[in-house]
Amino acid sequence: MPNQIIIKKKIRDFKKKIFVSGDKSISIRWVLFASISSGISKAKNLLISEDVLSAINIVKKFGIKVVQKNNTISVFGKGINGYNFKKNTIINAGNSATLGRLILGLIINSTKTIKLIGDKSLSKRDFKRVTSPLSKFGAKFKLRKNFSLPLTILGSKTLKAIRYHEMRGSAQCKSAVMLAAMRANGTTYIKAKKSRSHTEKMMENLNLPIRVIKKKNYDLIQIKKVKKIRTINYDIPSDISSGAFFIVLTALTNNSKLIIKNVNINPSRVGVITILKKMGVNINFLNKKTYKGEEIADIKINSSKSIKPINCPPALNASAIDEFLVIFLVAAKASGISYFNGLAELNKKESPRLKWGSKILNKMGIKNIMTNDSIKIFGNPNLKINKKIVIKNYLKDHRVFMTSVIAALSFGGEWKIHDIQSIRTSFPNFLKIINELRK
């Protein structure tokens, strides 16, 4: 595969039905839970991306057998205490902060030192936010001075339950503590700002000793020690974060219509839908159903004749945190000024995404004013790009790459976008689907 893509033409109108790849958040969690279940778990439509393969490779290092046959992945779990810990094991989370943080909760009972490493992007991210609460269980961590990878963990066989207040709206931190709580003596109490709820739903579906009390702005979660986990067979639904790129492309392309099939619309993930609807985008859910506690639907989108600006409620930030780059593209075409606040977490992702959102808009000729946690976007409903734009040196952040592709197809210009390989972490089929829509 070449290192760059060149796009010279806007996309023509289209009317299509598509499937996008399996949900990454659920795929990673399924691998982890299946690896500590008692027996063989099977999944269909598991996302086969670098992030999920990193999860598979890590559980293999702990003695778990994983077999792929056609579209089915089988994980041969050895029980909640079935990991085979060896001295000085090195595990590599690649680009995945979800994996890097969650796996620490699962190996917190290791009495052998384990080293966690990641790629260049992951190695810049803050791990103290997760090692700090995990150390209260009784584990010991050693990090670099800037609290980044590589780190080492030395767990304990006598873990004690804790009380934890998660204030960032980080599902990764919350989930790491939840996984650790399964091994701790007593009841762990978590007060967590609203964030993705896939871990809770998977634990509830497995009938584990978890209780979730939902409040307006936070959840109260109680978890007791787990003795056994049954196997978990799963038909992974499509990823709404992957679908968001095509939702925006459809909204910005005249006379177009799209249906994305079988998408996970977990309420903690649909902030992008809520925001885009407020901006006048025509989106509907069809064929809604519940599967293993997760809400699933087909998403129907029609192109938008006019886009309204938005003063985006910060309460929606956590449920749209991975989609703001493409949401900014919609704001670029709005007839007015859009405001987005409380987005400091965006700059703690694979790349400083808020900065990259501003940079892409600047390259497009869209005036914007950015602070360390906010952006004001001056929309131009008549925007047409007639110049060359180059996107590179963005720490291979897959969402920067895909957002740039959507911008090129929506607004025109000649775009040279580097690091195609970045999509391998989350959405290897992205360009294949783009090509289907361009036919």
Protein backbone atom coordinates (compact mmCIF):
# COMPACT_ATOMS: atom_id res chain seq x y z
CA MET A 1 0.00 0.00 0.00
CA PRO A 2 1.40 3.45 -0.90
CA ASN A 3 2.07 5.89 1.91
CA GLN A 4 -0.30 8.59 0.67
CA ILE A 5 -3.56 9.19 -1.13
CA ILE A 6 -4.30 12.02 -3.57
CA ILE A 7 -7.90 13.18 -3.98
CA LYS A 8 -8.65 15.69 -6.76
CA LYS A 9 -12.42 15.52 -7.13
CA LYS A 10 -15.46 15.88 -4.93
CA ILE A 11 -17.62 12.78 -4.63
CA ARG A 12 -20.72 12.58 -6.84
CA ASP A 13 -24.17 12.02 -5.33
CA PHE A 14 -24.84 8.46 -4.15
CA LYS A 15 -27.63 6.26 -2.82
CA LYS A 16 -26.20 3.20 -1.09
CA LYS A 17 -26.48 0.68 1.72
CA ILE A 18 -23.24 -0.26 3.49
CA PHE A 19 -21.84 -2.22 6.41
CA VAL A 20 -18.94 -0.75 8.38
CA SER A 21 -16.45 -2.74 10.46
CA GLY A 22 -17.20 -4.29 13.85
CA ASP A 23 -17.24 -2.04 16.90
CA LYS A 24 -13.68 -1.57 18.17
CA SER A 25 -14.61 -0.90 21.80
CA ILE A 26 -16.71 -4.07 21.98
CA SER A 27 -14.16 -6.11 20.01
CA ILE A 28 -11.32 -5.33 22.43
CA ARG A 29 -13.50 -5.93 25.48
CA TRP A 30 -14.78 -9.21 24.06
CA VAL A 31 -11.22 -10.50 23.56
CA LEU A 32 -10.33 -9.62 27.16
CA PHE A 33 -13.46 -11.09 28.77
CA ALA A 34 -13.33 -14.21 26.57
CA SER A 35 -9.71 -14.79 27.63
CA ILE A 36 -10.71 -15.06 31.32
CA SER A 37 -13.92 -17.00 30.76
CA SER A 38 -14.19 -20.71 31.53
CA GLY A 39 -14.33 -22.32 28.10
CA ILE A 40 -14.47 -21.46 24.41
CA SER A 41 -16.01 -18.14 23.36
CA LYS A 42 -16.75 -17.32 19.72
CA ALA A 43 -17.24 -13.99 17.96
CA LYS A 44 -18.37 -13.12 14.45
CA ASN A 45 -17.60 -9.80 12.75
CA LEU A 46 -14.81 -9.08 15.23
CA LEU A 47 -12.90 -6.03 14.03
CA ILE A 48 -9.65 -7.33 12.56
CA SER A 49 -7.56 -4.21 13.00
CA GLU A 50 -4.15 -3.59 14.54
CA ASP A 51 -5.69 -2.52 17.87
CA VAL A 52 -7.73 -5.72 18.20
CA LEU A 53 -4.86 -7.88 16.98
CA SER A 54 -2.73 -6.29 19.71
CA ALA A 55 -5.33 -7.47 22.25
CA ILE A 56 -5.23 -10.98 20.80
CA ASN A 57 -1.42 -11.04 20.88
CA ILE A 58 -1.36 -9.94 24.52
CA VAL A 59 -3.73 -12.67 25.75
CA LYS A 60 -1.72 -15.19 23.73
CA LYS A 61 1.36 -14.10 25.72
CA PHE A 62 -0.50 -15.16 28.86
CA GLY A 63 -1.13 -18.66 27.48
CA ILE A 64 -4.56 -18.17 25.91
CA LYS A 65 -5.23 -19.97 22.63
CA VAL A 66 -6.94 -17.93 19.89
CA VAL A 67 -8.06 -19.42 16.55
CA GLN A 68 -9.49 -17.66 13.48
CA LYS A 69 -11.60 -19.61 10.98
CA ASN A 70 -13.33 -17.63 8.23
CA ASN A 71 -15.31 -14.85 9.96
CA THR A 72 -15.25 -16.50 13.40
CA ILE A 73 -12.69 -15.98 16.15
CA SER A 74 -12.50 -18.54 18.97
CA VAL A 75 -10.84 -17.76 22.30
CA PHE A 76 -10.05 -20.68 24.61
CA GLY A 77 -10.46 -19.10 28.03
CA LYS A 78 -8.81 -20.67 31.10
CA GLY A 79 -10.88 -18.97 33.78
CA ILE A 80 -10.53 -15.74 35.70
CA ASN A 81 -7.21 -16.86 37.20
CA GLY A 82 -6.04 -18.70 34.09
CA TYR A 83 -3.37 -16.32 32.82
CA ASN A 84 0.13 -17.81 32.90
CA PHE A 85 2.35 -14.99 34.13
CA LYS A 86 6.05 -15.32 33.35
CA LYS A 87 8.86 -13.22 34.73
CA ASN A 88 9.79 -10.10 32.72
CA THR A 89 7.04 -10.51 30.14
CA ILE A 90 6.73 -7.57 27.73
CA ILE A 91 3.29 -6.80 26.29
CA ASN A 92 2.67 -4.33 23.47
CA ALA A 93 -0.61 -2.39 23.24
CA GLY A 94 0.42 -0.82 19.93
CA ASN A 95 -1.66 2.30 19.28
CA SER A 96 -4.55 1.37 21.58
CA ALA A 97 -5.02 3.34 24.80
CA THR A 98 -8.18 1.32 25.45
CA LEU A 99 -6.19 -1.89 25.43
CA GLY A 100 -3.18 -0.43 27.27
CA ARG A 101 -5.31 0.83 30.14
CA LEU A 102 -7.82 -2.01 30.39
CA ILE A 103 -5.23 -4.79 30.36
CA LEU A 104 -3.65 -3.32 33.50
CA GLY A 105 -6.89 -4.03 35.35
CA LEU A 106 -6.77 -7.67 34.24
CA ILE A 107 -3.14 -8.35 35.17
CA ILE A 108 -3.27 -6.58 38.51
CA ASN A 109 -2.96 -9.94 40.30
CA SER A 110 0.35 -10.86 38.66
CA THR A 111 3.16 -11.50 41.14
CA LYS A 112 5.64 -11.38 38.25
CA THR A 113 6.81 -8.04 36.85
CA ILE A 114 5.20 -7.20 33.50
CA LYS A 115 6.30 -4.41 31.17
CA LEU A 116 3.76 -2.56 29.01
CA ILE A 117 4.92 -0.76 25.88
CA GLY A 118 3.17 0.95 22.95
CA ASP A 119 3.85 2.76 19.70
CA LYS A 120 5.15 6.32 19.41
CA SER A 121 1.68 7.86 19.78
CA LEU A 122 0.58 5.74 22.74
CA SER A 123 3.93 6.35 24.44
CA LYS A 124 3.10 10.06 24.67
CA ARG A 125 -0.15 9.54 26.57
CA ASP A 126 -0.81 9.87 30.29
CA PHE A 127 -1.03 6.56 32.14
CA LYS A 128 -0.97 7.97 35.66
CA ARG A 129 -4.70 8.59 35.32
CA VAL A 130 -5.16 4.81 35.42
CA THR A 131 -2.17 3.61 37.46
CA SER A 132 -3.08 6.00 40.29
CA PRO A 133 -6.42 4.32 41.13
CA LEU A 134 -5.10 0.84 40.30
CA SER A 135 -2.26 1.24 42.79
CA LYS A 136 -4.86 1.64 45.55
CA PHE A 137 -5.86 -2.00 45.00
CA GLY A 138 -2.34 -3.03 46.02
CA ALA A 139 -0.42 -3.13 42.72
CA LYS A 140 2.90 -1.33 42.20
CA PHE A 141 3.73 0.66 39.08
CA LYS A 142 6.84 2.28 37.68
CA LEU A 143 6.37 4.90 34.96
CA ARG A 144 8.54 7.42 33.15
CA LYS A 145 8.78 10.90 34.67
CA ASN A 146 6.03 12.23 32.37
CA PHE A 147 3.75 9.33 33.43
CA SER A 148 3.92 7.68 30.00
CA LEU A 149 4.95 4.29 28.62
CA PRO A 150 6.85 2.12 29.00
CA LEU A 151 5.66 1.15 32.48
CA THR A 152 6.03 -1.90 34.68
CA ILE A 153 3.41 -3.44 36.92
CA LEU A 154 3.89 -5.79 39.84
CA GLY A 155 0.54 -7.03 41.03
CA SER A 156 -0.64 -8.67 44.21
CA LYS A 157 -2.58 -11.80 45.17
CA THR A 158 -4.26 -9.92 48.03
CA LEU A 159 -6.04 -7.05 46.35
CA LYS A 160 -8.39 -4.89 48.39
CA ALA A 161 -11.54 -3.16 47.15
CA ILE A 162 -11.41 0.62 46.73
CA ARG A 163 -13.58 3.71 46.32
CA TYR A 164 -12.90 5.62 43.12
CA HIS A 165 -14.23 8.89 41.75
CA GLU A 166 -13.73 9.12 37.96
CA MET A 167 -14.12 12.80 37.05
CA ARG A 168 -12.84 13.02 33.43
CA GLY A 169 -15.56 11.03 31.69
CA SER A 170 -12.95 8.41 30.69
CA ALA A 171 -14.41 4.99 29.95
CA GLN A 172 -10.86 3.63 29.82
CA CYS A 173 -10.04 4.64 33.40
CA LYS A 174 -13.44 3.52 34.67
CA SER A 175 -13.17 0.16 32.88
CA ALA A 176 -9.64 -0.54 34.13
CA VAL A 177 -10.86 -0.08 37.71
CA MET A 178 -13.91 -2.25 37.02
CA LEU A 179 -11.76 -5.09 35.71
CA ALA A 180 -9.41 -4.82 38.68
CA ALA A 181 -12.40 -4.83 41.04
CA MET A 182 -13.33 -8.31 39.79
CA ARG A 183 -10.18 -9.63 41.50
CA ALA A 184 -10.37 -7.60 44.73
CA ASN A 185 -11.68 -8.74 48.10
CA GLY A 186 -14.81 -6.83 49.09
CA THR A 187 -16.96 -4.38 47.14
CA THR A 188 -15.48 -1.64 44.98
CA TYR A 189 -17.51 1.56 44.72
CA ILE A 190 -17.11 3.79 41.66
CA LYS A 191 -18.65 7.21 41.06
CA ALA A 192 -18.06 7.94 37.38
CA LYS A 193 -18.80 10.87 35.13
CA LYS A 194 -20.90 9.70 32.17
CA SER A 195 -18.84 7.84 29.54
CA ARG A 196 -19.06 4.77 27.32
CA SER A 197 -20.86 1.92 29.04
CA HIS A 198 -19.72 -1.15 27.07
CA THR A 199 -17.84 -2.70 30.00
CA GLU A 200 -20.84 -2.42 32.31
CA LYS A 201 -23.17 -3.90 29.71
CA MET A 202 -20.84 -6.82 29.01
CA MET A 203 -20.50 -7.54 32.73
CA GLU A 204 -24.26 -7.34 33.19
CA ASN A 205 -24.81 -9.66 30.24
CA LEU A 206 -22.42 -12.16 31.86
CA ASN A 207 -24.43 -11.93 35.12
CA LEU A 208 -21.38 -10.78 37.06
CA PRO A 209 -21.83 -9.16 40.50
CA ILE A 210 -22.18 -5.57 39.27
CA ARG A 211 -24.79 -2.96 40.15
CA VAL A 212 -25.15 0.29 38.19
CA ILE A 213 -27.24 3.19 39.51
CA LYS A 214 -27.70 5.89 36.86
CA LYS A 215 -27.85 9.51 37.98
CA LYS A 216 -28.23 12.56 35.75
CA ASN A 217 -24.55 13.47 35.44
CA TYR A 218 -22.79 10.38 36.78
CA ASP A 219 -23.17 6.66 37.47
CA LEU A 220 -22.68 4.80 40.73
CA ILE A 221 -21.15 1.37 40.14
CA GLN A 222 -20.65 -1.41 42.68
CA ILE A 223 -18.59 -4.51 41.86
CA LYS A 224 -17.86 -7.55 44.00
CA LYS A 225 -15.15 -10.17 43.51
CA VAL A 226 -15.80 -12.53 40.61
CA LYS A 227 -15.23 -16.26 40.94
CA LYS A 228 -16.15 -17.49 37.46
CA ILE A 229 -17.03 -16.03 34.06
CA ARG A 230 -19.09 -18.01 31.58
CA THR A 231 -18.21 -18.05 27.89
CA ILE A 232 -19.48 -15.18 25.75
CA ASN A 233 -20.47 -15.73 22.13
CA TYR A 234 -20.94 -12.44 20.29
CA ASP A 235 -21.98 -11.19 16.85
CA ILE A 236 -20.17 -7.83 16.97
CA PRO A 237 -22.31 -4.91 15.67
CA SER A 238 -20.89 -2.18 13.44
CA ASP A 239 -18.98 0.73 14.96
CA ILE A 240 -20.79 4.09 15.10
CA SER A 241 -17.44 5.91 15.28
CA SER A 242 -16.51 4.37 11.93
CA GLY A 243 -19.99 5.07 10.58
CA ALA A 244 -19.74 8.75 11.56
CA PHE A 245 -17.39 9.49 8.66
CA PHE A 246 -20.00 8.29 6.17
CA ILE A 247 -22.84 10.01 8.02
CA VAL A 248 -21.00 13.32 7.57
CA LEU A 249 -20.03 12.57 3.96
CA THR A 250 -23.70 11.93 3.13
CA ALA A 251 -24.87 15.05 4.98
CA LEU A 252 -22.41 17.22 3.02
CA THR A 253 -23.03 15.66 -0.43
CA ASN A 254 -26.03 16.97 -2.37
CA ASN A 255 -28.83 14.57 -3.37
CA SER A 256 -27.36 11.64 -1.45
CA LYS A 257 -28.86 8.97 0.75
CA LEU A 258 -27.18 6.27 2.83
CA ILE A 259 -28.19 3.41 5.10
CA ILE A 260 -25.53 1.96 7.44
CA LYS A 261 -26.61 -1.49 8.57
CA ASN A 262 -26.57 -3.03 12.05
CA VAL A 263 -24.81 -0.25 13.98
CA ASN A 264 -24.25 -0.15 17.74
CA ILE A 265 -26.23 2.86 19.02
CA ASN A 266 -25.35 2.53 22.70
CA PRO A 267 -26.71 5.74 24.34
CA SER A 268 -23.21 6.57 25.59
CA ARG A 269 -21.95 6.63 21.97
CA VAL A 270 -24.60 8.55 20.01
CA GLY A 271 -23.56 12.09 20.89
CA VAL A 272 -22.54 12.54 17.24
CA ILE A 273 -26.11 11.77 16.16
CA THR A 274 -27.60 14.18 18.70
CA ILE A 275 -25.21 16.96 17.71
CA LEU A 276 -25.72 16.52 13.96
CA LYS A 277 -29.50 16.44 14.36
CA LYS A 278 -29.31 19.75 16.23
CA MET A 279 -27.41 21.08 13.22
CA GLY A 280 -30.19 20.06 10.86
CA VAL A 281 -28.81 16.77 9.53
CA ASN A 282 -31.55 14.32 8.55
CA ILE A 283 -30.79 11.10 10.48
CA ASN A 284 -33.16 8.29 11.50
CA PHE A 285 -32.81 4.93 13.24
CA LEU A 286 -34.49 1.95 11.57
CA ASN A 287 -35.05 -1.65 12.74
CA LYS A 288 -34.03 -0.96 16.35
CA LYS A 289 -33.35 -3.97 18.58
CA THR A 290 -31.49 -4.91 21.74
CA TYR A 291 -28.65 -7.44 21.60
CA LYS A 292 -26.74 -8.51 24.72
CA GLY A 293 -27.75 -5.27 26.41
CA GLU A 294 -26.54 -3.11 23.51
CA GLU A 295 -28.93 -1.14 21.29
CA ILE A 296 -28.56 -1.85 17.57
CA ALA A 297 -30.15 -0.16 14.53
CA ASP A 298 -29.74 0.70 10.87
CA ILE A 299 -28.89 4.39 10.44
CA LYS A 300 -30.51 6.28 7.54
CA ILE A 301 -29.02 9.61 6.44
CA ASN A 302 -30.19 12.07 3.79
CA SER A 303 -28.06 14.95 2.53
CA SER A 304 -28.76 18.26 4.21
CA LYS A 305 -29.99 21.29 2.25
CA SER A 306 -28.84 23.66 4.99
CA ILE A 307 -26.68 23.30 8.08
CA LYS A 308 -27.41 25.23 11.27
CA PRO A 309 -24.64 26.41 13.62
CA ILE A 310 -24.57 24.96 17.12
CA ASN A 311 -23.55 26.01 20.61
CA CYS A 312 -22.69 22.43 21.50
CA PRO A 313 -23.75 21.41 25.04
CA PRO A 314 -20.63 20.15 26.90
CA ALA A 315 -22.82 17.37 28.35
CA LEU A 316 -22.61 15.73 24.90
CA ASN A 317 -18.80 15.78 24.76
CA ALA A 318 -18.12 12.37 26.29
CA SER A 319 -20.57 10.59 24.00
CA ALA A 320 -19.05 12.18 20.88
CA ILE A 321 -15.39 12.48 21.90
CA ASP A 322 -14.06 10.46 18.94
CA GLU A 323 -16.28 12.16 16.36
CA PHE A 324 -15.55 15.86 16.85
CA LEU A 325 -13.11 16.13 13.95
CA VAL A 326 -15.83 15.21 11.43
CA ILE A 327 -18.42 17.24 13.35
CA PHE A 328 -16.14 20.25 12.79
CA LEU A 329 -16.48 19.64 9.03
CA VAL A 330 -20.25 19.98 9.32
CA ALA A 331 -19.79 23.20 11.32
CA ALA A 332 -17.57 24.45 8.47
CA LYS A 333 -20.63 24.45 6.18
CA ALA A 334 -23.05 25.92 8.72
CA SER A 335 -24.68 29.29 8.11
CA GLY A 336 -23.25 30.92 11.25
CA ILE A 337 -20.79 30.48 14.11
CA SER A 338 -20.55 27.20 16.04
CA TYR A 339 -19.09 26.88 19.54
CA PHE A 340 -17.57 23.76 21.10
CA ASN A 341 -16.30 23.92 24.69
CA GLY A 342 -14.76 21.62 27.30
CA LEU A 343 -12.72 19.64 24.78
CA ALA A 344 -9.33 19.50 26.51
CA GLU A 345 -9.50 15.67 26.37
CA LEU A 346 -9.29 15.85 22.57
CA ASN A 347 -5.67 16.91 22.82
CA LYS A 348 -4.89 13.80 24.87
CA LYS A 349 -5.87 11.37 22.13
CA GLU A 350 -3.64 9.67 19.53
CA SER A 351 -2.67 13.15 18.34
CA PRO A 352 -3.60 16.58 19.73
CA ARG A 353 -6.94 16.36 17.91
CA LEU A 354 -8.36 19.75 18.84
CA LYS A 355 -5.25 21.36 17.38
CA TRP A 356 -5.53 19.17 14.29
CA GLY A 357 -9.21 20.05 13.89
CA SER A 358 -8.25 23.73 13.87
CA LYS A 359 -5.34 23.07 11.50
CA ILE A 360 -7.53 21.22 8.97
CA LEU A 361 -10.12 24.02 9.06
CA ASN A 362 -7.38 26.62 8.51
CA LYS A 363 -6.10 24.70 5.49
CA MET A 364 -9.66 24.65 4.14
CA GLY A 365 -9.97 28.42 4.52
CA ILE A 366 -12.44 28.26 7.42
CA LYS A 367 -11.85 30.88 10.09
CA ASN A 368 -11.73 29.43 13.60
CA ILE A 369 -10.55 30.49 17.04
CA MET A 370 -9.11 27.77 19.29
CA THR A 371 -8.18 27.76 22.98
CA ASN A 372 -6.78 24.88 25.02
CA ASP A 373 -10.28 23.41 25.42
CA SER A 374 -12.60 25.14 22.94
CA ILE A 375 -13.07 26.08 19.32
CA LYS A 376 -15.25 28.66 17.57
CA ILE A 377 -15.93 27.84 13.91
CA PHE A 378 -17.13 30.47 11.43
CA GLY A 379 -19.15 28.45 8.94
CA ASN A 380 -19.34 29.11 5.20
CA PRO A 381 -22.30 27.39 3.48
CA ASN A 382 -20.82 28.26 0.07
CA LEU A 383 -17.36 26.84 0.75
CA LYS A 384 -15.57 25.50 -2.31
CA ILE A 385 -11.87 24.62 -2.13
CA ASN A 386 -9.71 25.24 -5.21
CA LYS A 387 -6.19 24.77 -3.87
CA LYS A 388 -3.70 22.10 -2.91
CA ILE A 389 -3.73 20.84 0.69
CA VAL A 390 -1.20 18.52 2.33
CA ILE A 391 -1.90 16.59 5.55
CA LYS A 392 1.10 14.93 7.22
CA ASN A 393 3.05 14.55 10.48
CA TYR A 394 -0.03 13.88 12.60
CA LEU A 395 1.37 10.94 14.62
CA LYS A 396 -0.48 8.56 12.29
CA ASP A 397 -3.81 9.35 13.98
CA HIS A 398 -6.38 7.35 12.00
CA ARG A 399 -9.13 9.91 12.66
CA VAL A 400 -7.07 12.77 11.25
CA PHE A 401 -6.51 10.74 8.08
CA MET A 402 -10.17 9.76 7.64
CA THR A 403 -11.46 13.25 8.45
CA SER A 404 -9.13 14.67 5.79
CA VAL A 405 -10.48 12.21 3.22
CA ILE A 406 -14.07 13.22 4.04
CA ALA A 407 -13.13 16.91 3.77
CA ALA A 408 -11.54 16.37 0.36
CA LEU A 409 -14.54 14.47 -0.99
CA SER A 410 -17.03 16.97 0.47
CA PHE A 411 -15.43 20.33 -0.35
CA GLY A 412 -13.07 19.73 -3.27
CA GLY A 413 -9.51 20.88 -3.81
CA GLU A 414 -6.48 18.69 -4.39
CA TRP A 415 -5.53 16.87 -1.19
CA LYS A 416 -2.39 14.85 -0.56
CA ILE A 417 -2.95 12.90 2.67
CA HIS A 418 0.00 10.96 4.08
CA ASP A 419 0.15 7.79 6.20
CA ILE A 420 -2.61 5.63 4.74
CA GLN A 421 -1.41 2.87 7.07
CA SER A 422 -2.88 4.76 10.03
CA ILE A 423 -6.34 3.30 9.27
CA ARG A 424 -5.08 -0.18 10.04
CA THR A 425 -5.43 0.55 13.77
CA SER A 426 -9.22 0.93 13.66
CA PHE A 427 -10.80 0.75 10.20
CA PRO A 428 -8.78 -1.13 7.55
CA ASN A 429 -11.78 -1.22 5.14
CA PHE A 430 -12.34 2.55 5.19
CA LEU A 431 -11.00 3.29 1.71
CA LYS A 432 -12.71 0.20 0.26
CA ILE A 433 -16.08 1.60 1.37
CA ILE A 434 -15.14 5.07 0.06
CA ASN A 435 -14.48 3.48 -3.34
CA GLU A 436 -17.87 1.74 -3.24
CA LEU A 437 -19.57 5.09 -2.69
CA ARG A 438 -17.58 6.69 -5.54
CA LYS A 439 -18.68 4.11 -8.14
